Protein backbone atom coordinates (compact mmCIF):
# COMPACT_ATOMS: atom_id res chain seq x y z
CA UNK A 1 3.82 1.09 9.64
CA UNK A 2 3.53 -0.24 6.10
CA UNK A 3 0.65 -2.68 5.84
CA UNK A 4 0.53 -4.32 2.46
CA UNK A 5 1.13 -7.38 0.30
CA UNK A 6 4.05 -8.65 -1.81
CA UNK A 7 4.33 -5.28 -3.57
CA UNK A 8 5.37 -3.73 -0.25
CA UNK A 9 7.08 -6.82 1.15
CA UNK A 10 9.72 -6.59 -1.58
CA UNK A 11 8.92 -9.93 -3.16
CA UNK A 12 11.91 -11.30 -5.08
CA UNK A 13 14.26 -8.50 -4.01
CA UNK A 14 17.06 -8.15 -1.47
CA UNK A 15 15.58 -6.40 1.58
CA UNK A 16 17.61 -3.21 1.15
CA UNK A 17 16.26 -2.66 -2.39
CA UNK A 18 12.51 -2.60 -1.74
CA UNK A 19 10.61 0.69 -1.58
CA UNK A 20 9.88 0.32 2.13
CA UNK A 21 13.59 0.02 2.94
CA UNK A 22 14.23 3.01 0.70
CA UNK A 23 11.53 4.87 2.67
CA UNK A 24 13.28 4.10 5.96
CA UNK A 25 16.52 5.45 4.49
CA UNK A 26 14.81 8.61 3.21
CA UNK A 27 13.28 9.27 6.63
CA UNK A 28 16.75 8.98 8.22
CA UNK A 29 18.36 11.13 5.52
CA UNK A 30 15.76 13.85 5.91
CA UNK A 31 15.99 13.76 9.73
CA UNK A 32 12.48 12.49 10.41
CA UNK A 33 12.33 10.60 13.68
CA UNK A 34 10.23 7.65 12.54
CA UNK A 35 10.96 3.94 12.66
CA UNK A 36 9.44 1.92 9.81
CA UNK A 37 7.72 -1.37 10.60
CA UNK A 38 6.97 -3.33 7.43
CA UNK A 39 4.11 -5.71 8.20
CA UNK A 40 3.48 -6.56 4.56
CA UNK A 41 2.85 -10.20 3.70
CA UNK A 42 3.05 -11.71 0.22
CA UNK A 43 -0.37 -12.93 -0.87
CA UNK A 44 -2.24 -10.88 1.74
CA UNK A 45 -5.82 -9.84 1.01
CA UNK A 46 -7.89 -7.11 2.61
CA UNK A 47 -9.71 -9.74 4.69
CA UNK A 48 -6.42 -11.13 5.98
CA UNK A 49 -5.25 -7.61 6.75
CA UNK A 50 -8.50 -6.81 8.51
CA UNK A 51 -8.12 -9.91 10.66
CA UNK A 52 -4.65 -8.96 11.89
CA UNK A 53 -4.74 -5.14 11.99
CA UNK A 54 -5.66 -4.69 15.66
CA UNK A 55 -2.79 -6.89 16.86
CA UNK A 56 -0.41 -5.01 14.56
CA UNK A 57 -1.60 -1.66 15.88
CA UNK A 58 -1.32 -2.81 19.48
CA UNK A 59 2.20 -4.11 18.95
CA UNK A 60 3.64 -1.26 16.88
CA UNK A 61 1.51 1.75 17.94
CA UNK A 62 2.23 3.59 14.68
CA UNK A 63 1.81 7.31 14.16
CA UNK A 64 1.19 6.70 10.45
CA UNK A 65 -0.08 3.65 8.56
CA UNK A 66 0.50 3.21 4.85
CA UNK A 67 -2.36 0.91 3.87
CA UNK A 68 -1.47 -0.84 0.61
CA UNK A 69 -3.78 -3.83 0.34
CA UNK A 70 -6.29 -4.92 -2.30
CA UNK A 71 -4.17 -6.08 -5.24
CA UNK A 72 -4.63 -9.76 -4.37
CA UNK A 73 -8.37 -9.28 -3.91
CA UNK A 74 -8.52 -7.94 -7.45
CA UNK A 75 -6.25 -10.60 -8.95
CA UNK A 76 -8.51 -13.25 -7.41
CA UNK A 77 -11.66 -11.56 -8.70
CA UNK A 78 -13.05 -11.19 -5.19
CA UNK A 79 -16.14 -9.26 -4.22
CA UNK A 80 -15.36 -5.56 -4.38
CA UNK A 81 -17.95 -4.55 -1.80
CA UNK A 82 -16.26 -6.90 0.69
CA UNK A 83 -12.88 -5.37 -0.21
CA UNK A 84 -14.25 -1.87 0.39
CA UNK A 85 -15.69 -2.91 3.76
CA UNK A 86 -12.36 -4.51 4.75
CA UNK A 87 -10.40 -1.39 3.81
CA UNK A 88 -12.80 0.86 5.72
CA UNK A 89 -12.63 -1.41 8.78
CA UNK A 90 -8.82 -1.20 8.73
CA UNK A 91 -8.92 2.59 8.42
CA UNK A 92 -11.35 2.77 11.33
CA UNK A 93 -9.10 0.53 13.44
CA UNK A 94 -6.10 2.74 12.67
CA UNK A 95 -8.02 5.79 13.75
CA UNK A 96 -9.06 4.15 17.03
CA UNK A 97 -5.31 3.85 17.67
CA UNK A 98 -4.76 7.50 16.66
CA UNK A 99 -2.77 6.62 13.56
CA UNK A 100 -2.91 8.78 10.44
CA UNK A 101 -3.61 6.71 7.32
CA UNK A 102 -2.36 6.96 3.75
CA UNK A 103 -4.32 4.72 1.38
CA UNK A 104 -2.41 3.34 -1.60
CA UNK A 105 -4.47 2.32 -4.62
CA UNK A 106 -3.84 -0.22 -7.34
CA UNK A 107 -5.03 -0.99 -10.86
CA UNK A 108 -5.55 -4.38 -12.48
CA UNK A 109 -4.29 -5.58 -15.84
CA UNK A 110 -6.81 -5.08 -18.68
CA UNK A 111 -7.40 -8.82 -19.09
CA UNK A 112 -9.76 -8.66 -16.09
CA UNK A 113 -12.25 -6.74 -18.21
CA UNK A 114 -13.08 -3.06 -18.27
CA UNK A 115 -16.08 -3.23 -15.94
CA UNK A 116 -14.25 -5.08 -13.14
CA UNK A 117 -10.97 -3.17 -13.45
CA UNK A 118 -12.74 0.20 -13.32
CA UNK A 119 -14.88 -0.80 -10.34
CA UNK A 120 -11.80 -2.23 -8.60
CA UNK A 121 -9.80 0.98 -8.98
CA UNK A 122 -12.80 3.09 -7.94
CA UNK A 123 -12.97 1.30 -4.57
CA UNK A 124 -9.80 3.08 -3.41
CA UNK A 125 -11.14 6.51 -4.32
CA UNK A 126 -14.47 5.75 -2.66
CA UNK A 127 -12.81 4.64 0.57
CA UNK A 128 -10.55 7.71 0.57
CA UNK A 129 -13.54 9.99 0.03
CA UNK A 130 -15.79 8.30 2.60
CA UNK A 131 -13.07 8.20 5.26
CA UNK A 132 -11.50 11.55 4.27
CA UNK A 133 -8.08 10.06 3.63
CA UNK A 134 -5.15 11.03 1.49
CA UNK A 135 -4.86 8.67 -1.45
CA UNK A 136 -2.02 7.55 -3.67
CA UNK A 137 -4.16 6.51 -6.65
CA UNK A 138 -1.75 3.98 -8.19
CA UNK A 139 1.42 2.49 -6.71
CA UNK A 140 2.85 1.77 -10.18
CA UNK A 141 2.33 5.31 -11.47
CA UNK A 142 4.74 6.13 -14.27
CA UNK A 143 5.95 2.62 -15.09
CA UNK A 144 3.04 0.15 -15.08
CA UNK A 145 3.19 -0.49 -18.82
CA UNK A 146 6.97 -0.72 -19.07
CA UNK A 147 7.93 -4.40 -18.94
CA UNK A 148 11.57 -3.68 -18.01
CA UNK A 149 10.45 -2.48 -14.58
CA UNK A 150 9.01 -5.87 -13.63
CA UNK A 151 10.44 -9.18 -12.59
CA UNK A 152 10.08 -12.24 -14.84
CA UNK A 153 6.56 -12.93 -13.49
CA UNK A 154 5.33 -9.64 -14.95
CA UNK A 155 3.55 -8.80 -11.69
CA UNK A 156 6.17 -7.84 -9.13
CA UNK A 157 8.25 -4.69 -9.67
CA UNK A 158 11.99 -5.08 -10.17
CA UNK A 159 14.64 -3.23 -8.17
CA UNK A 160 14.70 -0.43 -10.77
CA UNK A 161 11.03 0.35 -10.07
CA UNK A 162 11.38 0.62 -6.29
CA UNK A 163 12.67 4.24 -6.23
CA UNK A 164 9.71 5.25 -8.43
CA UNK A 165 7.30 3.51 -6.06
CA UNK A 166 8.91 5.35 -3.14
CA UNK A 167 8.50 8.70 -4.91
CA UNK A 168 4.84 7.94 -5.63
CA UNK A 169 4.16 7.05 -1.99
CA UNK A 170 6.30 9.91 -0.67
CA UNK A 171 4.10 12.52 -2.36
CA UNK A 172 1.13 11.34 -0.29
CA UNK A 173 3.09 10.51 2.85
CA UNK A 174 5.19 13.64 3.30
CA UNK A 175 2.24 15.86 4.37
CA UNK A 176 1.38 13.34 7.12
CA UNK A 177 4.84 13.43 8.68
CA UNK A 178 5.83 15.65 11.57
CA UNK A 179 9.36 16.51 12.53
CA UNK A 180 9.86 15.36 16.08
C-alpha cells in the first residue's frame, strides 16, 4: 500500500506513468506476488493521513506500507512536532496491522529558510530511528535541482522523473519484500 500525497498520486500524469504504477509493473516483472493499492491523495497532510490510516489498513490489509507523507505539511509551514507525532502514529497503526513500513522522506525548497528546512528533513530521520524503520531519505534523490524533471508548476515531477523515483524507493523497499 502506497500512502502518500500528490507526489505518489501521480499528479498531472497519465496513471500508467507514475512511479507507483511503475512499481506495480516491476513487482509483476520480477515475479513478486504483491498487489499495489495506491491510497495517495493530492494535498494530503500527515494529519489527514493519520485520520484515515486505520480504515485504509482494515480495507487493504497490506503486508507493506510505503509511507510518503509530510511534503504538504512542510510547504504549509506546519508544526514539525505535530508532523512527527502524526508520522509515528501512522507507523504504530501499520504495525498493529502487522504491516512492514518504509518511510519516504522529503526536502523543502531553500526559500523556506535553512532552519525550517533542516528541521523538516530531520523529522523523517528521527521517526525512522525512533521506530526502527527503513528510510528513503529523499524521494527526489538525483534530480531535485534539475528543472527539466518537473512539470510547469516546478513542484510535481514530470514523467521523466518517475523511473528515478521508483529506483529511489525500490532500494528501500526491496529488502522488505518476500517472494510468495
